[in-house]
Amino acid sequence: MPLPTALRDELAANRRDERELAERDKRRGIALWILACCGWSWLGIFCLAWSMHTSDMRYAEPAFWAGLAIGNGGVLFTLLAAYRWGERHGYW
């Protein structure tokens, strides 16, 4: 037995609204992950730049290696967390 037209239209409207909310949450989440990756990159670049501009090797070498670790490691772990987040929410 088919659903009444009014009920079917109401269910379709509810699903459309839910889909729009889900898409909005997905876009917001992806934008936040992108900003986090940019933040890690800029922090790593800052450490690398500081290592080039300091004249004391006791500070320059650790800052250089920290810049590499922060810039690359931060982005890597952020991307892995974003992937797990997307799987948990069913985006991919």
Protein backbone atom coordinates (compact mmCIF):
# COMPACT_ATOMS: atom_id res chain seq x y z
CA MET A 1 0.00 0.00 0.00
CA PRO A 2 1.60 3.31 -1.04
CA LEU A 3 2.09 6.19 1.38
CA PRO A 4 -0.30 9.11 1.21
CA THR A 5 1.01 12.01 -0.87
CA ALA A 6 1.04 14.48 2.03
CA LEU A 7 3.08 12.12 4.23
CA ARG A 8 5.47 11.31 1.39
CA ASP A 9 6.04 15.02 0.69
CA GLU A 10 6.61 15.71 4.39
CA LEU A 11 9.17 12.90 4.65
CA ALA A 12 10.92 14.14 1.52
CA ALA A 13 11.09 17.67 2.95
CA ASN A 14 12.52 16.33 6.23
CA ARG A 15 15.19 14.34 4.39
CA ARG A 16 16.08 17.35 2.25
CA ASP A 17 16.52 19.51 5.37
CA GLU A 18 18.61 16.82 7.06
CA ARG A 19 20.81 16.50 3.99
CA GLU A 20 21.39 20.24 3.89
CA LEU A 21 22.39 20.24 7.56
CA ALA A 22 24.72 17.29 7.02
CA GLU A 23 26.37 19.01 4.05
CA ARG A 24 26.81 22.18 6.10
CA ASP A 25 28.44 20.22 8.93
CA LYS A 26 30.68 18.44 6.45
CA ARG A 27 31.85 21.70 4.84
CA ARG A 28 32.43 23.30 8.25
CA GLY A 29 34.42 20.30 9.44
CA ILE A 30 36.58 20.18 6.33
CA ALA A 31 37.23 23.93 6.59
CA LEU A 32 38.37 23.49 10.20
CA TRP A 33 40.70 20.64 9.25
CA ILE A 34 42.16 22.75 6.45
CA LEU A 35 42.74 25.62 8.88
CA ALA A 36 44.42 23.22 11.31
CA CYS A 37 46.76 21.99 8.55
CA CYS A 38 47.59 25.57 7.60
CA GLY A 39 48.27 26.38 11.25
CA TRP A 40 50.71 23.47 11.60
CA SER A 41 52.41 24.47 8.36
CA TRP A 42 52.82 28.09 9.43
CA LEU A 43 54.11 27.07 12.85
CA GLY A 44 56.69 24.81 11.19
CA ILE A 45 57.68 27.58 8.78
CA PHE A 46 58.02 29.98 11.71
CA CYS A 47 60.39 27.60 13.50
CA LEU A 48 62.42 27.11 10.33
CA ALA A 49 62.62 30.86 9.75
CA TRP A 50 63.65 31.42 13.35
CA SER A 51 66.38 28.81 13.00
CA MET A 52 67.76 30.67 9.96
CA HIS A 53 67.75 34.06 11.69
CA THR A 54 69.25 33.10 15.03
CA SER A 55 73.01 33.26 15.37
CA ASP A 56 73.36 30.77 18.23
CA MET A 57 73.67 27.16 17.06
CA ARG A 58 72.30 25.92 20.40
CA TYR A 59 68.94 27.42 19.39
CA ALA A 60 69.16 27.19 15.61
CA GLU A 61 69.57 23.45 15.23
CA PRO A 62 66.76 22.39 17.58
CA ALA A 63 64.48 25.04 16.04
CA PHE A 64 65.27 23.69 12.56
CA TRP A 65 64.45 20.10 13.49
CA ALA A 66 61.41 21.19 15.48
CA GLY A 67 60.19 23.15 12.45
CA LEU A 68 60.47 20.08 10.28
CA ALA A 69 58.78 17.85 12.85
CA ILE A 70 55.99 20.32 13.62
CA GLY A 71 55.33 21.24 10.01
CA ASN A 72 55.30 17.72 8.63
CA GLY A 73 54.11 15.78 11.67
CA GLY A 74 51.34 18.19 12.55
CA VAL A 75 49.89 18.09 9.05
CA LEU A 76 50.22 14.31 8.86
CA PHE A 77 48.46 13.67 12.16
CA THR A 78 45.80 16.27 11.36
CA LEU A 79 45.05 14.59 8.04
CA LEU A 80 44.85 11.19 9.73
CA ALA A 81 42.47 12.60 12.35
CA ALA A 82 40.38 14.21 9.60
CA TYR A 83 40.16 10.89 7.77
CA ARG A 84 39.02 9.09 10.94
CA TRP A 85 36.49 11.89 11.56
CA GLY A 86 35.12 11.53 8.02
CA GLU A 87 34.81 7.76 8.36
CA ARG A 88 33.08 8.07 11.74
CA HIS A 89 30.53 10.50 10.28
CA GLY A 90 30.07 8.51 7.08
CA TYR A 91 31.45 11.08 4.65
CA TRP A 92 33.78 8.60 2.95
